[in-house]
Amino acid sequence: MRWCHFVRCSWEQVIIFFGTQQGLDLVARLPLDPGDAPWIEDPGYFGAWAALAGAGVRLVPVTLDGEGLDLAAGERIEPEALAST
């Protein structure tokens, strides 16, 4: 990882998934509880929407601006969001 991506980590901190959906599912379930309201890009990757919906969270679609997720819009819609994708 360090040589390719300049990421400093040890082997204990690396998780290898067999596919994107497997990784998204784990990321959706570990830090979030059912009923949490994370921001999600709108439009965004359908697989991320599916993984988060499967985890029982209430998706908060947030539009994009020229730099990515429109943070001001997200704060207006759901100021208590615990995560964003």
Foldseek 3Di string as FASTA:
>chain_A
DCVPPVDDDDPVPDDDDPDDLVVLLVVLQVPDAAAAEEEEEVVDDVSNVVSNVVRNYHYDYAYADPVGGPVVRVCVRDVPHPYYD
